[in-house]
Amino acid sequence: MPLNKGAKPGSKGFGENIAVEIKSGKKKSQAVAIAYSEAKAKKKKKK
C-alpha cells in the first residue's frame, strides 16, 4: 500500500503511514521518521 503524501502529523493519514511501515517490519521510531519525511516531501513540492 502506498503511503499518503502530505498527511499532516496528527491526521488519520499520518497514523496510517506509521501503521503501514510497522506492518512492513520497520521499528516504530523509523516508521515515524518515514511518516514525517512523507509529510515534509509534499510540503516542499507545494512551494
N, C-alpha and C. Protein backbone atom coordinates (compact mmCIF):
# COMPACT_ATOMS: atom_id res chain seq x y z
N MET A 1 0.84 -1.17 0.00
CA MET A 1 0.00 0.00 0.00
C MET A 1 0.88 1.24 0.00
N PRO A 2 0.64 2.17 -0.91
CA PRO A 2 1.46 3.38 -0.95
C PRO A 2 1.14 4.29 0.23
N LEU A 3 2.12 5.08 0.60
CA LEU A 3 1.93 6.00 1.72
C LEU A 3 1.16 7.23 1.27
N ASN A 4 0.45 7.83 2.23
CA ASN A 4 -0.30 9.06 1.96
C ASN A 4 0.67 10.23 1.93
N LYS A 5 0.78 10.88 0.81
CA LYS A 5 1.67 12.04 0.70
C LYS A 5 1.02 13.24 1.36
N GLY A 6 1.79 13.99 2.11
CA GLY A 6 1.32 15.23 2.71
C GLY A 6 0.37 15.07 3.87
N ALA A 7 0.33 13.89 4.47
CA ALA A 7 -0.55 13.68 5.63
C ALA A 7 0.05 14.42 6.83
N LYS A 8 -0.68 15.38 7.35
CA LYS A 8 -0.19 16.21 8.45
C LYS A 8 -0.10 15.38 9.73
N PRO A 9 0.92 15.65 10.56
CA PRO A 9 1.02 14.95 11.84
C PRO A 9 -0.25 15.12 12.66
N GLY A 10 -0.74 14.04 13.20
CA GLY A 10 -1.97 14.05 13.97
C GLY A 10 -3.20 13.68 13.15
N SER A 11 -3.03 13.61 11.84
CA SER A 11 -4.17 13.24 11.00
C SER A 11 -4.27 11.73 10.87
N LYS A 12 -5.40 11.29 10.35
CA LYS A 12 -5.63 9.86 10.16
C LYS A 12 -4.61 9.28 9.17
N GLY A 13 -4.32 10.01 8.11
CA GLY A 13 -3.37 9.53 7.10
C GLY A 13 -1.97 9.36 7.66
N PHE A 14 -1.59 10.24 8.56
CA PHE A 14 -0.27 10.16 9.18
C PHE A 14 -0.15 8.87 10.00
N GLY A 15 -1.20 8.57 10.77
CA GLY A 15 -1.23 7.34 11.56
C GLY A 15 -1.22 6.10 10.68
N GLU A 16 -1.92 6.19 9.56
CA GLU A 16 -1.94 5.06 8.63
C GLU A 16 -0.56 4.82 8.03
N ASN A 17 0.16 5.90 7.73
CA ASN A 17 1.52 5.75 7.21
C ASN A 17 2.41 5.02 8.20
N ILE A 18 2.29 5.37 9.47
CA ILE A 18 3.08 4.72 10.51
C ILE A 18 2.71 3.24 10.60
N ALA A 19 1.41 2.95 10.59
CA ALA A 19 0.94 1.57 10.69
C ALA A 19 1.44 0.72 9.52
N VAL A 20 1.44 1.30 8.33
CA VAL A 20 1.91 0.56 7.14
C VAL A 20 3.39 0.22 7.27
N GLU A 21 4.17 1.16 7.74
CA GLU A 21 5.61 0.92 7.88
C GLU A 21 5.91 -0.10 8.98
N ILE A 22 5.19 -0.03 10.09
CA ILE A 22 5.39 -1.01 11.17
C ILE A 22 5.00 -2.40 10.68
N LYS A 23 3.91 -2.49 9.95
CA LYS A 23 3.46 -3.78 9.42
C LYS A 23 4.47 -4.38 8.46
N SER A 24 5.21 -3.50 7.76
CA SER A 24 6.21 -3.99 6.81
C SER A 24 7.52 -4.40 7.50
N GLY A 25 7.58 -4.22 8.84
CA GLY A 25 8.72 -4.74 9.58
C GLY A 25 9.70 -3.69 10.09
N LYS A 26 9.36 -2.43 9.96
CA LYS A 26 10.26 -1.38 10.43
C LYS A 26 10.01 -1.12 11.91
N LYS A 27 11.03 -0.58 12.60
CA LYS A 27 10.87 -0.20 14.00
C LYS A 27 9.96 1.01 14.09
N LYS A 28 9.34 1.19 15.26
CA LYS A 28 8.39 2.29 15.44
C LYS A 28 9.06 3.65 15.19
N SER A 29 10.26 3.84 15.71
CA SER A 29 10.93 5.13 15.54
C SER A 29 11.25 5.40 14.07
N GLN A 30 11.63 4.38 13.36
CA GLN A 30 11.93 4.54 11.94
C GLN A 30 10.64 4.80 11.15
N ALA A 31 9.56 4.16 11.52
CA ALA A 31 8.27 4.36 10.85
C ALA A 31 7.79 5.79 11.03
N VAL A 32 7.97 6.34 12.23
CA VAL A 32 7.57 7.73 12.49
C VAL A 32 8.42 8.68 11.66
N ALA A 33 9.72 8.42 11.57
CA ALA A 33 10.60 9.27 10.78
C ALA A 33 10.20 9.25 9.30
N ILE A 34 9.83 8.11 8.79
CA ILE A 34 9.39 8.00 7.39
C ILE A 34 8.10 8.78 7.18
N ALA A 35 7.18 8.68 8.13
CA ALA A 35 5.91 9.39 8.02
C ALA A 35 6.13 10.91 8.01
N TYR A 36 7.02 11.39 8.87
CA TYR A 36 7.35 12.82 8.86
C TYR A 36 8.02 13.21 7.55
N SER A 37 8.85 12.35 7.03
CA SER A 37 9.52 12.62 5.76
C SER A 37 8.52 12.74 4.62
N GLU A 38 7.52 11.87 4.60
CA GLU A 38 6.48 11.93 3.57
C GLU A 38 5.67 13.22 3.69
N ALA A 39 5.38 13.64 4.92
CA ALA A 39 4.62 14.87 5.13
C ALA A 39 5.43 16.08 4.66
N LYS A 40 6.71 16.04 4.94
CA LYS A 40 7.60 17.14 4.54
C LYS A 40 7.79 17.18 3.03
N ALA A 41 7.85 16.01 2.39
CA ALA A 41 8.07 15.94 0.93
C ALA A 41 6.95 16.65 0.19
N LYS A 42 5.74 16.48 0.60
CA LYS A 42 4.59 17.12 -0.05
C LYS A 42 4.67 18.63 0.14
N LYS A 43 5.08 19.05 1.33
CA LYS A 43 5.17 20.48 1.65
C LYS A 43 6.21 21.15 0.76
N LYS A 44 7.36 20.49 0.53
CA LYS A 44 8.40 21.04 -0.32
C LYS A 44 7.94 21.18 -1.76
N LYS A 45 7.22 20.18 -2.26
CA LYS A 45 6.75 20.20 -3.64
C LYS A 45 5.76 21.35 -3.86
N LYS A 46 4.99 21.67 -2.83
CA LYS A 46 3.93 22.66 -2.94
C LYS A 46 4.48 24.05 -3.25
N LYS A 47 5.66 24.38 -2.75
CA LYS A 47 6.23 25.73 -2.94
C LYS A 47 6.59 26.03 -4.34
